[in-house]
Every structure is written in C-alpha cells, then in structure tokens.
N, C-alpha and C. Protein backbone atom coordinates (compact mmCIF):
# COMPACT_ATOMS: atom_id res chain seq x y z
N MET A 1 0.84 -1.20 0.00
CA MET A 1 0.00 0.00 0.00
C MET A 1 0.88 1.25 0.00
N PRO A 2 0.51 2.27 -0.79
CA PRO A 2 1.27 3.53 -0.73
C PRO A 2 1.26 4.10 0.67
N ARG A 3 2.28 4.89 0.98
CA ARG A 3 2.37 5.51 2.30
C ARG A 3 2.21 7.02 2.17
N LEU A 4 1.80 7.63 3.25
CA LEU A 4 1.64 9.07 3.30
C LEU A 4 2.73 9.66 4.18
N GLY A 5 3.27 10.81 3.74
CA GLY A 5 4.31 11.47 4.51
C GLY A 5 4.08 12.96 4.59
N PRO A 6 5.02 13.68 5.18
CA PRO A 6 4.89 15.13 5.31
C PRO A 6 4.61 15.80 3.98
N LYS A 7 3.71 16.75 4.00
CA LYS A 7 3.29 17.57 2.86
C LYS A 7 2.29 16.88 1.95
N ASP A 8 2.06 15.58 2.11
CA ASP A 8 1.01 14.94 1.33
C ASP A 8 -0.34 15.48 1.77
N ARG A 9 -1.29 15.51 0.84
CA ARG A 9 -2.64 15.96 1.16
C ARG A 9 -3.56 14.76 1.31
N LEU A 10 -4.41 14.84 2.29
CA LEU A 10 -5.35 13.76 2.59
C LEU A 10 -6.73 14.37 2.81
N VAL A 11 -7.71 13.87 2.08
CA VAL A 11 -9.08 14.34 2.27
C VAL A 11 -9.69 13.57 3.45
N ILE A 12 -10.21 14.31 4.41
CA ILE A 12 -10.97 13.70 5.50
C ILE A 12 -12.42 13.72 5.07
N ALA A 13 -12.95 12.55 4.75
CA ALA A 13 -14.26 12.46 4.11
C ALA A 13 -15.38 12.53 5.13
N THR A 14 -15.53 13.71 5.73
CA THR A 14 -16.62 13.93 6.67
C THR A 14 -17.06 15.37 6.62
N HIS A 15 -18.33 15.59 6.96
CA HIS A 15 -18.86 16.94 7.16
C HIS A 15 -19.18 17.17 8.63
N ASN A 16 -18.79 16.21 9.47
CA ASN A 16 -19.03 16.30 10.91
C ASN A 16 -17.85 17.01 11.57
N PRO A 17 -18.03 18.22 12.11
CA PRO A 17 -16.89 18.96 12.65
C PRO A 17 -16.21 18.25 13.82
N GLY A 18 -16.97 17.48 14.60
CA GLY A 18 -16.36 16.75 15.71
C GLY A 18 -15.42 15.67 15.22
N LYS A 19 -15.87 14.90 14.25
CA LYS A 19 -15.01 13.86 13.67
C LYS A 19 -13.80 14.48 12.99
N LEU A 20 -14.02 15.56 12.24
CA LEU A 20 -12.92 16.21 11.54
C LEU A 20 -11.85 16.65 12.53
N ARG A 21 -12.27 17.26 13.62
CA ARG A 21 -11.32 17.75 14.63
C ARG A 21 -10.51 16.59 15.22
N GLU A 22 -11.19 15.50 15.56
CA GLU A 22 -10.49 14.37 16.17
C GLU A 22 -9.51 13.72 15.19
N ILE A 23 -9.93 13.53 13.94
CA ILE A 23 -9.05 12.88 12.97
C ILE A 23 -7.87 13.79 12.63
N ALA A 24 -8.12 15.09 12.47
CA ALA A 24 -7.03 16.03 12.19
C ALA A 24 -5.99 16.01 13.30
N GLU A 25 -6.44 15.91 14.55
CA GLU A 25 -5.49 15.84 15.67
C GLU A 25 -4.68 14.55 15.64
N LEU A 26 -5.31 13.46 15.22
CA LEU A 26 -4.61 12.17 15.17
C LEU A 26 -3.53 12.14 14.09
N ILE A 27 -3.79 12.80 12.95
CA ILE A 27 -2.79 12.75 11.87
C ILE A 27 -1.76 13.87 11.96
N ALA A 28 -1.98 14.85 12.85
CA ALA A 28 -1.08 16.01 12.94
C ALA A 28 0.39 15.64 13.12
N PRO A 29 0.74 14.63 13.95
CA PRO A 29 2.16 14.33 14.13
C PRO A 29 2.89 13.88 12.86
N PHE A 30 2.14 13.50 11.83
CA PHE A 30 2.78 12.96 10.63
C PHE A 30 2.98 14.02 9.55
N GLY A 31 2.57 15.26 9.81
CA GLY A 31 2.82 16.34 8.87
C GLY A 31 1.97 16.30 7.62
N VAL A 32 0.96 15.45 7.61
CA VAL A 32 0.08 15.34 6.45
C VAL A 32 -0.93 16.50 6.48
N GLU A 33 -1.15 17.08 5.32
CA GLU A 33 -2.10 18.20 5.23
C GLU A 33 -3.52 17.65 5.11
N ALA A 34 -4.34 17.92 6.10
CA ALA A 34 -5.71 17.45 6.09
C ALA A 34 -6.63 18.50 5.49
N VAL A 35 -7.48 18.08 4.57
CA VAL A 35 -8.48 18.96 4.01
C VAL A 35 -9.81 18.21 4.07
N SER A 36 -10.85 18.87 4.52
CA SER A 36 -12.11 18.16 4.70
C SER A 36 -12.93 18.14 3.42
N ALA A 37 -13.82 17.15 3.35
CA ALA A 37 -14.74 17.08 2.22
C ALA A 37 -15.59 18.34 2.14
N GLY A 38 -15.94 18.88 3.32
CA GLY A 38 -16.73 20.10 3.34
C GLY A 38 -15.99 21.28 2.73
N GLU A 39 -14.69 21.41 3.06
CA GLU A 39 -13.88 22.50 2.50
C GLU A 39 -13.80 22.41 0.99
N LEU A 40 -13.76 21.20 0.46
CA LEU A 40 -13.66 21.00 -0.98
C LEU A 40 -15.01 21.07 -1.68
N GLY A 41 -16.07 21.23 -0.90
CA GLY A 41 -17.41 21.30 -1.48
C GLY A 41 -17.91 19.97 -2.01
N LEU A 42 -17.40 18.87 -1.46
CA LEU A 42 -17.83 17.56 -1.93
C LEU A 42 -19.16 17.19 -1.27
N PRO A 43 -20.06 16.61 -2.02
CA PRO A 43 -21.35 16.22 -1.43
C PRO A 43 -21.19 15.03 -0.49
N GLU A 44 -22.12 14.90 0.43
CA GLU A 44 -22.13 13.74 1.32
C GLU A 44 -22.85 12.60 0.61
N PRO A 45 -22.17 11.48 0.35
CA PRO A 45 -22.86 10.36 -0.30
C PRO A 45 -23.87 9.74 0.65
N GLU A 46 -24.91 9.15 0.09
CA GLU A 46 -25.89 8.46 0.91
C GLU A 46 -25.26 7.19 1.48
N GLU A 47 -25.43 6.99 2.77
CA GLU A 47 -24.82 5.83 3.43
C GLU A 47 -25.75 4.64 3.29
N THR A 48 -25.53 3.87 2.23
CA THR A 48 -26.41 2.75 1.92
C THR A 48 -25.82 1.40 2.34
N GLY A 49 -24.66 1.40 2.98
CA GLY A 49 -24.04 0.15 3.38
C GLY A 49 -24.80 -0.54 4.50
N SER A 50 -24.53 -1.84 4.65
CA SER A 50 -25.22 -2.63 5.67
C SER A 50 -24.42 -2.73 6.96
N ASP A 51 -23.19 -2.20 6.95
CA ASP A 51 -22.38 -2.22 8.16
C ASP A 51 -21.38 -1.07 8.12
N PHE A 52 -20.59 -0.93 9.19
CA PHE A 52 -19.64 0.18 9.27
C PHE A 52 -18.60 0.11 8.15
N VAL A 53 -18.14 -1.08 7.81
CA VAL A 53 -17.11 -1.22 6.77
C VAL A 53 -17.63 -0.71 5.44
N GLU A 54 -18.81 -1.18 5.04
CA GLU A 54 -19.35 -0.77 3.74
C GLU A 54 -19.55 0.73 3.67
N ASN A 55 -20.03 1.34 4.74
CA ASN A 55 -20.25 2.79 4.73
C ASN A 55 -18.94 3.56 4.70
N ALA A 56 -17.92 3.10 5.42
CA ALA A 56 -16.62 3.78 5.40
C ALA A 56 -16.02 3.72 4.01
N VAL A 57 -16.10 2.57 3.36
CA VAL A 57 -15.56 2.42 2.00
C VAL A 57 -16.32 3.33 1.04
N LEU A 58 -17.63 3.33 1.15
CA LEU A 58 -18.46 4.16 0.27
C LEU A 58 -18.06 5.63 0.36
N LYS A 59 -17.90 6.13 1.58
CA LYS A 59 -17.56 7.55 1.79
C LYS A 59 -16.15 7.87 1.31
N ALA A 60 -15.20 6.98 1.63
CA ALA A 60 -13.82 7.24 1.23
C ALA A 60 -13.66 7.20 -0.28
N ARG A 61 -14.30 6.23 -0.93
CA ARG A 61 -14.21 6.11 -2.39
C ARG A 61 -14.79 7.34 -3.06
N ALA A 62 -15.95 7.80 -2.60
CA ALA A 62 -16.59 8.97 -3.21
C ALA A 62 -15.68 10.19 -3.10
N ALA A 63 -15.06 10.40 -1.95
CA ALA A 63 -14.19 11.57 -1.76
C ALA A 63 -12.92 11.46 -2.58
N ALA A 64 -12.31 10.27 -2.61
CA ALA A 64 -11.06 10.10 -3.37
C ALA A 64 -11.29 10.30 -4.86
N GLU A 65 -12.37 9.77 -5.37
CA GLU A 65 -12.65 9.89 -6.80
C GLU A 65 -13.01 11.32 -7.18
N ALA A 66 -13.72 12.02 -6.30
CA ALA A 66 -14.11 13.40 -6.60
C ALA A 66 -12.94 14.36 -6.50
N ALA A 67 -12.05 14.12 -5.53
CA ALA A 67 -10.95 15.06 -5.29
C ALA A 67 -9.66 14.67 -6.00
N GLY A 68 -9.55 13.42 -6.43
CA GLY A 68 -8.30 12.97 -7.04
C GLY A 68 -7.17 12.89 -6.03
N LEU A 69 -7.52 12.68 -4.76
CA LEU A 69 -6.55 12.59 -3.67
C LEU A 69 -6.90 11.39 -2.80
N PRO A 70 -5.92 10.86 -2.06
CA PRO A 70 -6.28 9.83 -1.09
C PRO A 70 -7.27 10.39 -0.08
N ALA A 71 -8.19 9.56 0.35
CA ALA A 71 -9.24 10.02 1.27
C ALA A 71 -9.37 9.04 2.42
N LEU A 72 -9.58 9.59 3.59
CA LEU A 72 -9.79 8.80 4.80
C LEU A 72 -11.21 9.05 5.30
N ALA A 73 -11.98 7.98 5.42
CA ALA A 73 -13.35 8.09 5.91
C ALA A 73 -13.49 7.26 7.18
N ASP A 74 -14.39 7.74 8.01
CA ASP A 74 -14.69 7.09 9.28
C ASP A 74 -16.17 6.76 9.27
N ASP A 75 -16.51 5.54 9.60
CA ASP A 75 -17.91 5.26 9.91
C ASP A 75 -17.92 4.67 11.30
N SER A 76 -18.68 5.27 12.16
CA SER A 76 -18.64 4.85 13.56
C SER A 76 -20.01 5.03 14.19
N GLY A 77 -20.18 4.40 15.33
CA GLY A 77 -21.45 4.52 16.01
C GLY A 77 -21.47 3.77 17.31
N LEU A 78 -22.60 3.84 17.95
CA LEU A 78 -22.80 3.24 19.26
C LEU A 78 -23.63 1.97 19.10
N GLU A 79 -23.12 0.87 19.65
CA GLU A 79 -23.86 -0.39 19.66
C GLU A 79 -24.27 -0.69 21.10
N VAL A 80 -25.56 -0.84 21.34
CA VAL A 80 -26.09 -1.09 22.68
C VAL A 80 -26.54 -2.55 22.75
N ALA A 81 -25.97 -3.28 23.71
CA ALA A 81 -26.22 -4.72 23.78
C ALA A 81 -27.71 -5.05 23.90
N ALA A 82 -28.41 -4.37 24.80
CA ALA A 82 -29.82 -4.68 25.05
C ALA A 82 -30.72 -4.27 23.89
N LEU A 83 -30.20 -3.48 22.97
CA LEU A 83 -30.97 -3.06 21.79
C LEU A 83 -30.52 -3.81 20.55
N GLU A 84 -29.89 -4.96 20.77
CA GLU A 84 -29.42 -5.82 19.67
C GLU A 84 -28.49 -5.09 18.72
N GLY A 85 -27.64 -4.23 19.31
CA GLY A 85 -26.64 -3.52 18.51
C GLY A 85 -27.08 -2.18 17.98
N ALA A 86 -28.35 -1.81 18.15
CA ALA A 86 -28.82 -0.48 17.73
C ALA A 86 -28.24 0.57 18.70
N PRO A 87 -28.11 1.81 18.23
CA PRO A 87 -28.42 2.31 16.89
C PRO A 87 -27.41 1.94 15.81
N GLY A 88 -26.20 1.50 16.18
CA GLY A 88 -25.24 1.00 15.19
C GLY A 88 -24.98 1.97 14.06
N ILE A 89 -25.14 1.48 12.83
CA ILE A 89 -24.86 2.33 11.67
C ILE A 89 -25.86 3.47 11.53
N TYR A 90 -26.93 3.43 12.31
CA TYR A 90 -27.93 4.50 12.26
C TYR A 90 -27.74 5.51 13.40
N SER A 91 -26.58 5.49 14.04
CA SER A 91 -26.35 6.34 15.21
C SER A 91 -26.59 7.81 14.91
N ALA A 92 -26.09 8.31 13.78
CA ALA A 92 -26.29 9.72 13.44
C ALA A 92 -27.74 9.98 13.06
N ARG A 93 -28.38 9.01 12.40
CA ARG A 93 -29.75 9.21 11.96
C ARG A 93 -30.72 9.28 13.14
N TRP A 94 -30.38 8.64 14.25
CA TRP A 94 -31.22 8.74 15.44
C TRP A 94 -31.26 10.17 15.96
N ALA A 95 -30.28 10.99 15.57
CA ALA A 95 -30.24 12.38 16.00
C ALA A 95 -31.10 13.29 15.14
N GLY A 96 -31.71 12.72 14.09
CA GLY A 96 -32.60 13.50 13.24
C GLY A 96 -31.87 14.37 12.24
N PRO A 97 -32.61 15.03 11.37
CA PRO A 97 -31.99 15.84 10.31
C PRO A 97 -31.15 16.99 10.85
N GLY A 98 -31.46 17.45 12.05
CA GLY A 98 -30.69 18.53 12.65
C GLY A 98 -29.49 18.06 13.44
N ARG A 99 -29.23 16.73 13.41
CA ARG A 99 -28.10 16.15 14.15
C ARG A 99 -28.11 16.60 15.62
N ASP A 100 -29.29 16.52 16.24
CA ASP A 100 -29.44 16.89 17.65
C ASP A 100 -29.29 15.62 18.48
N PHE A 101 -28.11 15.44 19.07
CA PHE A 101 -27.84 14.20 19.78
C PHE A 101 -28.53 14.13 21.15
N ARG A 102 -29.11 15.23 21.60
CA ARG A 102 -29.96 15.13 22.80
C ARG A 102 -31.15 14.23 22.49
N ILE A 103 -31.70 14.38 21.29
CA ILE A 103 -32.82 13.54 20.86
C ILE A 103 -32.38 12.09 20.80
N ALA A 104 -31.19 11.85 20.23
CA ALA A 104 -30.69 10.48 20.09
C ALA A 104 -30.45 9.85 21.44
N MET A 105 -29.84 10.59 22.36
CA MET A 105 -29.56 10.03 23.69
C MET A 105 -30.85 9.74 24.44
N GLU A 106 -31.83 10.61 24.29
CA GLU A 106 -33.12 10.38 24.93
C GLU A 106 -33.80 9.14 24.36
N ARG A 107 -33.65 8.91 23.07
CA ARG A 107 -34.25 7.72 22.46
C ARG A 107 -33.58 6.45 22.99
N VAL A 108 -32.25 6.48 23.09
CA VAL A 108 -31.55 5.31 23.65
C VAL A 108 -32.06 5.02 25.05
N GLU A 109 -32.14 6.05 25.88
CA GLU A 109 -32.59 5.84 27.27
C GLU A 109 -34.03 5.35 27.31
N ARG A 110 -34.86 5.89 26.46
CA ARG A 110 -36.26 5.47 26.42
C ARG A 110 -36.38 3.99 26.03
N GLU A 111 -35.58 3.57 25.05
CA GLU A 111 -35.67 2.18 24.58
C GLU A 111 -35.02 1.21 25.57
N LEU A 112 -34.21 1.73 26.48
CA LEU A 112 -33.61 0.88 27.52
C LEU A 112 -34.52 0.72 28.74
N THR A 113 -35.64 1.41 28.75
CA THR A 113 -36.56 1.32 29.90
C THR A 113 -36.95 -0.14 30.15
N GLY A 114 -36.75 -0.57 31.40
CA GLY A 114 -37.10 -1.93 31.77
C GLY A 114 -36.04 -2.96 31.45
N LYS A 115 -34.94 -2.54 30.85
CA LYS A 115 -33.86 -3.46 30.52
C LYS A 115 -32.70 -3.21 31.49
N GLY A 116 -32.20 -4.25 32.10
CA GLY A 116 -31.14 -4.09 33.09
C GLY A 116 -29.75 -4.01 32.50
N ASP A 117 -29.59 -4.48 31.28
CA ASP A 117 -28.27 -4.53 30.64
C ASP A 117 -27.97 -3.19 29.99
N ARG A 118 -26.95 -2.49 30.50
CA ARG A 118 -26.60 -1.18 29.95
C ARG A 118 -25.25 -1.21 29.25
N ARG A 119 -24.77 -2.39 28.91
CA ARG A 119 -23.50 -2.50 28.20
C ARG A 119 -23.61 -1.89 26.79
N ALA A 120 -22.52 -1.27 26.37
CA ALA A 120 -22.48 -0.66 25.04
C ALA A 120 -21.04 -0.62 24.55
N ALA A 121 -20.90 -0.37 23.28
CA ALA A 121 -19.56 -0.22 22.70
C ALA A 121 -19.62 0.80 21.59
N PHE A 122 -18.59 1.63 21.52
CA PHE A 122 -18.39 2.48 20.36
C PHE A 122 -17.53 1.70 19.37
N VAL A 123 -17.92 1.75 18.11
CA VAL A 123 -17.19 1.06 17.04
C VAL A 123 -16.79 2.08 15.99
N CYS A 124 -15.57 1.95 15.49
CA CYS A 124 -15.09 2.84 14.42
C CYS A 124 -14.40 2.00 13.35
N VAL A 125 -14.75 2.23 12.11
CA VAL A 125 -14.03 1.67 10.97
C VAL A 125 -13.48 2.83 10.15
N LEU A 126 -12.18 2.82 9.93
CA LEU A 126 -11.53 3.79 9.06
C LEU A 126 -11.24 3.12 7.72
N CYS A 127 -11.48 3.84 6.65
CA CYS A 127 -11.10 3.37 5.31
C CYS A 127 -10.22 4.41 4.65
N LEU A 128 -9.06 4.00 4.21
CA LEU A 128 -8.19 4.85 3.40
C LEU A 128 -8.30 4.36 1.97
N TYR A 129 -8.71 5.26 1.10
CA TYR A 129 -8.96 4.91 -0.30
C TYR A 129 -8.10 5.80 -1.20
N TRP A 130 -7.37 5.17 -2.11
CA TRP A 130 -6.50 5.90 -3.02
C TRP A 130 -7.16 6.01 -4.39
N PRO A 131 -6.98 7.15 -5.08
CA PRO A 131 -7.47 7.23 -6.46
C PRO A 131 -6.90 6.06 -7.25
N GLY A 132 -7.75 5.37 -7.95
CA GLY A 132 -7.29 4.18 -8.66
C GLY A 132 -7.81 2.91 -8.02
N GLY A 133 -8.29 3.00 -6.79
CA GLY A 133 -8.99 1.86 -6.21
C GLY A 133 -8.32 1.11 -5.09
N GLU A 134 -7.03 1.39 -4.82
CA GLU A 134 -6.40 0.68 -3.71
C GLU A 134 -6.97 1.19 -2.38
N MET A 135 -7.22 0.27 -1.45
CA MET A 135 -7.85 0.68 -0.20
C MET A 135 -7.52 -0.30 0.91
N ALA A 136 -7.75 0.16 2.13
CA ALA A 136 -7.61 -0.70 3.31
C ALA A 136 -8.55 -0.18 4.39
N THR A 137 -9.03 -1.09 5.25
CA THR A 137 -9.89 -0.70 6.36
C THR A 137 -9.27 -1.14 7.68
N PHE A 138 -9.61 -0.41 8.73
CA PHE A 138 -9.06 -0.64 10.06
C PHE A 138 -10.18 -0.42 11.08
N GLU A 139 -10.28 -1.30 12.07
CA GLU A 139 -11.40 -1.23 13.02
C GLU A 139 -10.90 -1.08 14.45
N GLY A 140 -11.64 -0.29 15.22
CA GLY A 140 -11.37 -0.14 16.64
C GLY A 140 -12.67 -0.18 17.43
N ARG A 141 -12.61 -0.71 18.66
CA ARG A 141 -13.78 -0.79 19.53
C ARG A 141 -13.41 -0.31 20.93
N CYS A 142 -14.37 0.30 21.60
CA CYS A 142 -14.21 0.70 22.99
C CYS A 142 -15.47 0.29 23.73
N THR A 143 -15.33 -0.60 24.72
CA THR A 143 -16.49 -1.09 25.44
C THR A 143 -16.72 -0.29 26.72
N GLY A 144 -17.95 -0.32 27.19
CA GLY A 144 -18.29 0.39 28.42
C GLY A 144 -19.76 0.19 28.73
N ASP A 145 -20.35 1.18 29.42
CA ASP A 145 -21.78 1.13 29.71
C ASP A 145 -22.37 2.53 29.59
N LEU A 146 -23.70 2.60 29.70
CA LEU A 146 -24.40 3.86 29.51
C LEU A 146 -24.91 4.40 30.83
N VAL A 147 -24.81 5.71 31.00
CA VAL A 147 -25.30 6.38 32.21
C VAL A 147 -26.45 7.30 31.83
N TRP A 148 -27.21 7.68 32.81
CA TRP A 148 -28.27 8.68 32.62
C TRP A 148 -28.44 9.44 33.92
N PRO A 149 -28.57 10.77 33.88
CA PRO A 149 -28.63 11.65 32.71
C PRO A 149 -27.24 11.86 32.08
N PRO A 150 -27.21 12.51 30.91
CA PRO A 150 -25.93 12.80 30.26
C PRO A 150 -25.02 13.61 31.18
N ARG A 151 -23.71 13.35 31.07
CA ARG A 151 -22.74 14.03 31.92
C ARG A 151 -21.59 14.57 31.08
N GLY A 152 -21.29 15.86 31.25
CA GLY A 152 -20.13 16.46 30.61
C GLY A 152 -20.46 17.11 29.28
N ASP A 153 -19.61 18.05 28.88
CA ASP A 153 -19.83 18.78 27.64
C ASP A 153 -18.62 18.69 26.70
N GLN A 154 -17.76 17.72 26.93
CA GLN A 154 -16.64 17.48 26.01
C GLN A 154 -17.11 16.52 24.92
N GLY A 155 -16.31 16.39 23.87
CA GLY A 155 -16.62 15.45 22.82
C GLY A 155 -17.86 15.84 22.03
N PHE A 156 -18.55 14.83 21.50
CA PHE A 156 -19.73 15.08 20.68
C PHE A 156 -20.55 13.80 20.61
N GLY A 157 -21.69 13.87 19.95
CA GLY A 157 -22.51 12.68 19.77
C GLY A 157 -23.00 12.10 21.09
N TYR A 158 -22.81 10.82 21.26
CA TYR A 158 -23.28 10.10 22.44
C TYR A 158 -22.28 10.14 23.60
N ASP A 159 -21.21 10.89 23.46
CA ASP A 159 -20.16 10.90 24.49
C ASP A 159 -20.66 11.15 25.91
N PRO A 160 -21.65 12.04 26.13
CA PRO A 160 -22.06 12.32 27.50
C PRO A 160 -22.76 11.16 28.23
N ILE A 161 -23.18 10.10 27.50
CA ILE A 161 -23.83 8.98 28.19
C ILE A 161 -22.97 7.72 28.17
N PHE A 162 -21.80 7.77 27.55
CA PHE A 162 -20.96 6.57 27.44
C PHE A 162 -19.81 6.63 28.44
N ARG A 163 -19.77 5.64 29.31
CA ARG A 163 -18.70 5.54 30.30
C ARG A 163 -17.82 4.35 29.92
N PRO A 164 -16.58 4.60 29.49
CA PRO A 164 -15.72 3.49 29.06
C PRO A 164 -15.36 2.57 30.22
N GLU A 165 -15.16 1.32 29.88
CA GLU A 165 -14.84 0.30 30.88
C GLU A 165 -13.59 0.69 31.67
N GLY A 166 -13.70 0.60 33.00
CA GLY A 166 -12.57 0.91 33.87
C GLY A 166 -12.51 2.36 34.30
N TYR A 167 -13.47 3.18 33.87
CA TYR A 167 -13.47 4.61 34.21
C TYR A 167 -14.77 4.98 34.93
N GLY A 168 -14.70 5.99 35.76
CA GLY A 168 -15.87 6.49 36.47
C GLY A 168 -16.50 7.70 35.81
N VAL A 169 -15.93 8.15 34.72
CA VAL A 169 -16.43 9.34 34.02
C VAL A 169 -16.82 8.96 32.59
N THR A 170 -17.69 9.78 32.01
CA THR A 170 -18.09 9.56 30.62
C THR A 170 -17.08 10.22 29.67
N PHE A 171 -17.19 9.86 28.40
CA PHE A 171 -16.38 10.55 27.38
C PHE A 171 -16.68 12.05 27.40
N GLY A 172 -17.90 12.41 27.74
CA GLY A 172 -18.27 13.81 27.80
C GLY A 172 -17.59 14.57 28.92
N GLU A 173 -17.09 13.84 29.92
CA GLU A 173 -16.40 14.47 31.04
C GLU A 173 -14.88 14.39 30.92
N MET A 174 -14.38 13.65 29.94
CA MET A 174 -12.94 13.45 29.79
C MET A 174 -12.28 14.58 29.02
N ALA A 175 -11.06 14.87 29.41
CA ALA A 175 -10.25 15.78 28.60
C ALA A 175 -10.02 15.12 27.24
N PRO A 176 -10.01 15.90 26.16
CA PRO A 176 -9.84 15.30 24.82
C PRO A 176 -8.62 14.41 24.71
N ALA A 177 -7.50 14.80 25.31
CA ALA A 177 -6.29 13.99 25.19
C ALA A 177 -6.47 12.61 25.82
N GLU A 178 -7.19 12.55 26.92
CA GLU A 178 -7.44 11.27 27.57
C GLU A 178 -8.38 10.40 26.74
N LYS A 179 -9.43 11.03 26.21
CA LYS A 179 -10.35 10.28 25.36
C LYS A 179 -9.62 9.72 24.14
N HIS A 180 -8.77 10.53 23.52
CA HIS A 180 -8.06 10.08 22.32
C HIS A 180 -7.12 8.92 22.61
N ARG A 181 -6.73 8.77 23.85
CA ARG A 181 -5.81 7.69 24.19
C ARG A 181 -6.49 6.33 24.20
N ILE A 182 -7.82 6.32 24.45
CA ILE A 182 -8.50 5.04 24.66
C ILE A 182 -9.71 4.80 23.76
N ASP A 183 -10.16 5.79 23.01
CA ASP A 183 -11.45 5.60 22.34
C ASP A 183 -11.34 4.74 21.08
N HIS A 184 -12.50 4.44 20.50
CA HIS A 184 -12.61 3.57 19.34
C HIS A 184 -11.87 4.12 18.13
N ARG A 185 -11.92 5.44 17.95
CA ARG A 185 -11.26 6.04 16.79
C ARG A 185 -9.74 5.94 16.91
N SER A 186 -9.23 6.20 18.10
CA SER A 186 -7.77 6.11 18.28
C SER A 186 -7.30 4.66 18.14
N ARG A 187 -8.13 3.70 18.54
CA ARG A 187 -7.74 2.29 18.40
C ARG A 187 -7.72 1.87 16.94
N ALA A 188 -8.68 2.36 16.15
CA ALA A 188 -8.64 2.09 14.71
C ALA A 188 -7.44 2.77 14.08
N PHE A 189 -7.16 3.99 14.53
CA PHE A 189 -6.03 4.73 13.99
C PHE A 189 -4.71 4.03 14.32
N ALA A 190 -4.62 3.43 15.50
CA ALA A 190 -3.41 2.70 15.87
C ALA A 190 -3.15 1.53 14.93
N GLU A 191 -4.22 0.96 14.37
CA GLU A 191 -4.05 -0.11 13.38
C GLU A 191 -3.62 0.46 12.03
N LEU A 192 -4.10 1.66 11.71
CA LEU A 192 -3.79 2.28 10.43
C LEU A 192 -2.35 2.79 10.34
N VAL A 193 -1.85 3.34 11.43
CA VAL A 193 -0.55 4.03 11.41
C VAL A 193 0.58 3.21 10.80
N PRO A 194 0.85 1.98 11.27
CA PRO A 194 2.00 1.26 10.72
C PRO A 194 1.84 0.90 9.24
N ALA A 195 0.60 0.83 8.77
CA ALA A 195 0.36 0.48 7.38
C ALA A 195 0.47 1.67 6.44
N VAL A 196 0.23 2.87 6.96
CA VAL A 196 0.04 4.03 6.07
C VAL A 196 1.06 5.15 6.28
N PHE A 197 1.45 5.41 7.52
CA PHE A 197 2.29 6.56 7.80
C PHE A 197 3.73 6.15 8.09
N GLY A 198 4.63 7.08 7.80
CA GLY A 198 6.00 6.90 8.22
C GLY A 198 6.15 7.22 9.69
N ASP A 199 7.36 7.12 10.20
CA ASP A 199 7.66 7.42 11.58
C ASP A 199 7.50 8.93 11.81
N PRO A 200 6.61 9.36 12.76
CA PRO A 200 6.41 10.80 12.95
C PRO A 200 7.66 11.51 13.48
N ASP A 201 8.62 10.75 13.99
CA ASP A 201 9.86 11.36 14.47
C ASP A 201 10.96 11.37 13.43
N GLY A 202 10.58 10.99 12.24
CA GLY A 202 11.54 11.06 11.15
C GLY A 202 12.13 9.75 10.79
C-alpha cells in the first residue's frame, strides 16, 4: 500500500466537525495536510451500506474519486447490547436531520426502559482509499456502559452517556487527550498508522 508522509494531502471524508477535529489531531504528528470534504465542497454520499465497513468504503471512495486525492473516511457509532446492537450504523440518523444528539440520547434511554443490561460499545471503521482503487480498512472498539442523565460537555454525539470500561467518568467528562488515548477512533487509527504513515519522528 502507498504511504503518506509530510506535505502529502489527505481528504478527510466527513462533514461532521467533531469527527474532523479528532481525525485532524490524530494525523497532525505525521505532517500530512488534512483537508475536509466540506472545505472542498464535496457532497455527502448516501450511506447505503449494511455495516460500518461498507459505509466507510463508500464515503472514502466517493471523496477520493471526486478530489483525485487519497481520502480517509470514518464510519462509527454506538452499539447497545440490550438493543441488539442499535443504533449501530444509524447512530447519526437517530439524532434527526438537525443532528441533535440530545434527541438520540433520549431515544436510547427510552428504549432501555425496563432493561437491566446497559453495556455498550463504540465502534469505528476507518477506510483509506486511493485514487485508482487501492484501499484498506481498520477497526477499533471501545467497550463500556451507559449512564443517565448525560454528563459532561466534552466530545460530541453520544459521548455524555458513554462511560468506558474501567473509568468512572463519561467521554463527555474526559479531557480530549485522555479520550483520544482510549477511544474507538484512536484504536482504529493505531491499526492504520503502521500500514500508512512513516515514523512521525523522522
């Protein structure tokens, strides 16, 4: 697989400012220039895949082909054990057209009524797609449980109700650097780094 190094440009195939911020911070040590799909005016493709892998590939391929640059896409979401893995790939859609995650979190809590199992996991699949069709995917998971009411104003999405295993605080209460050390996206990124990037120290 081709590798990316300092001064190379990489399209981050998202219009979600929270995801863009987190991914840009993860690739910063490698000197790669990140440009978002939103900055390039690329449309958001419809997510028609049946799982996180298919949706990540779909988004990365659309951005790479439109921009003529390698593209990195993330498809991620919250899987709740008692809800048979929902909302899963529909995590963002549960927030409605306005992407209001208060609505999504309230729906999760409502559907958990009467269920004792509050286990959940965040899942992230990253796809790096090169113009011409070469690609690779990388997956990361972070397990934990759900709390109510939401706690903290850090992060985004479902972070205020997700408490990672071994911690007493939610992602919404964690400093970003701490969250990046353990979350699903950083774990997927840890799989991607040796395959795609050079040594950040030269």
